[in-house]
Amino acid sequence: MSMARIRKDDTVIVVSGTSAGKTGKVKSVDRKKGTAVVEGVNVHKKAVRRTEKAAGGIIEMEFPIRLCKLMPYDAEAKRGTRVKAGDKDGKKTRVSVRSGKTL
């Protein structure tokens, strides 16, 4: 199994598309589909039917975005960074190529 470039709770930046330049925290990742849901990114309005649990209406929700359009965000450099495999205390870790810090 290869190391995941983007995981849940990572801060990412959108590289291309209509949401390019936006940053957010990853809520969930679907490896089979190659998508992720990110807070405040790819937000659309959706009509939802009323149920016993929730009131219906038009709500804004985040839709999945392709992983190839996302890059891990380096807070020090204030831009996206590539990720390489590193070793810390005998365990594999993700290391930022730009700053050299572990993610």
Protein backbone atom coordinates (compact mmCIF):
# COMPACT_ATOMS: atom_id res chain seq x y z
CA MET A 1 0.00 0.00 0.00
CA SER A 2 1.42 3.36 -1.00
CA MET A 3 1.44 6.40 1.24
CA ALA A 4 -1.54 8.74 0.83
CA ARG A 5 -0.65 12.24 -0.33
CA ILE A 6 -3.84 13.78 1.11
CA ARG A 7 -5.61 12.53 4.22
CA LYS A 8 -8.56 13.53 6.38
CA ASP A 9 -7.96 16.69 8.53
CA ASP A 10 -5.14 17.92 6.24
CA THR A 11 -5.13 21.56 5.14
CA VAL A 12 -5.09 21.72 1.35
CA ILE A 13 -5.08 24.35 -1.39
CA VAL A 14 -7.01 24.03 -4.66
CA VAL A 15 -4.65 24.22 -7.64
CA SER A 16 -7.10 24.40 -10.57
CA GLY A 17 -10.78 24.84 -11.37
CA THR A 18 -13.39 27.36 -10.25
CA SER A 19 -12.25 27.19 -6.61
CA ALA A 20 -8.55 27.71 -7.45
CA GLY A 21 -6.57 29.41 -4.68
CA LYS A 22 -8.99 28.51 -1.87
CA THR A 23 -7.73 26.61 1.16
CA GLY A 24 -9.65 24.38 3.53
CA LYS A 25 -9.60 21.36 5.79
CA VAL A 26 -10.32 17.93 4.30
CA LYS A 27 -13.52 16.42 5.73
CA SER A 28 -13.39 13.07 3.96
CA VAL A 29 -11.46 11.24 1.23
CA ASP A 30 -12.78 8.58 -1.18
CA ARG A 31 -9.75 6.71 -2.57
CA LYS A 32 -11.75 4.57 -5.05
CA LYS A 33 -13.35 7.60 -6.73
CA GLY A 34 -10.26 9.78 -6.28
CA THR A 35 -12.19 12.61 -4.61
CA ALA A 36 -12.25 14.55 -1.35
CA VAL A 37 -14.72 16.86 0.40
CA VAL A 38 -13.05 20.09 1.60
CA GLU A 39 -14.58 22.76 3.89
CA GLY A 40 -15.59 25.87 1.96
CA VAL A 41 -14.51 24.51 -1.43
CA ASN A 42 -16.77 23.47 -4.34
CA VAL A 43 -19.89 24.75 -2.54
CA HIS A 44 -23.19 24.44 -4.44
CA LYS A 45 -26.87 24.84 -3.62
CA LYS A 46 -28.97 21.70 -3.48
CA ALA A 47 -32.71 21.19 -3.09
CA VAL A 48 -33.38 18.79 -0.21
CA ARG A 49 -36.68 17.06 0.51
CA ARG A 50 -38.25 17.56 3.94
CA THR A 51 -38.00 14.52 6.23
CA GLU A 52 -38.97 13.68 9.80
CA LYS A 53 -35.46 14.54 10.97
CA ALA A 54 -34.73 17.71 8.99
CA ALA A 55 -36.55 20.59 7.36
CA GLY A 56 -36.31 20.68 3.58
CA GLY A 57 -35.36 23.55 1.32
CA ILE A 58 -32.39 24.79 -0.61
CA ILE A 59 -29.15 24.26 1.30
CA GLU A 60 -25.52 24.99 0.50
CA MET A 61 -23.22 22.00 0.75
CA GLU A 62 -19.69 21.02 -0.20
CA PHE A 63 -19.40 18.59 -3.07
CA PRO A 64 -16.44 16.28 -3.75
CA ILE A 65 -13.45 17.61 -5.69
CA ARG A 66 -10.85 15.53 -7.54
CA LEU A 67 -7.65 14.77 -5.62
CA CYS A 68 -5.52 15.82 -8.60
CA LYS A 69 -6.78 19.40 -8.12
CA LEU A 70 -5.65 19.49 -4.46
CA MET A 71 -2.22 20.04 -2.95
CA PRO A 72 -1.14 19.89 0.71
CA TYR A 73 -0.82 23.44 2.07
CA ASP A 74 2.44 24.62 3.63
CA ALA A 75 1.57 27.30 6.22
CA GLU A 76 5.15 28.63 6.41
CA ALA A 77 5.51 29.21 2.68
CA LYS A 78 1.79 30.11 2.34
CA ARG A 79 1.46 27.94 -0.77
CA GLY A 80 1.06 24.34 -1.89
CA THR A 81 3.81 21.76 -1.53
CA ARG A 82 4.64 18.35 -2.88
CA VAL A 83 5.01 15.44 -0.46
CA LYS A 84 7.79 12.90 -0.18
CA ALA A 85 8.21 9.86 2.04
CA GLY A 86 10.37 10.30 5.10
CA ASP A 87 11.40 8.29 8.12
CA LYS A 88 10.84 9.32 11.74
CA ASP A 89 11.51 6.92 14.63
CA GLY A 90 11.33 3.93 12.28
CA LYS A 91 7.92 4.88 10.87
CA LYS A 92 7.04 6.21 7.43
CA THR A 93 5.92 9.83 7.48
CA ARG A 94 4.95 12.47 4.93
CA VAL A 95 7.48 15.28 4.54
CA SER A 96 6.93 18.63 2.83
CA VAL A 97 9.31 19.06 -0.11
CA ARG A 98 9.22 22.86 0.23
CA SER A 99 9.99 23.25 3.96
CA GLY A 100 11.23 19.77 4.94
CA LYS A 101 8.79 19.52 7.88
CA THR A 102 6.59 16.49 8.57
CA LEU A 103 2.89 16.77 7.85
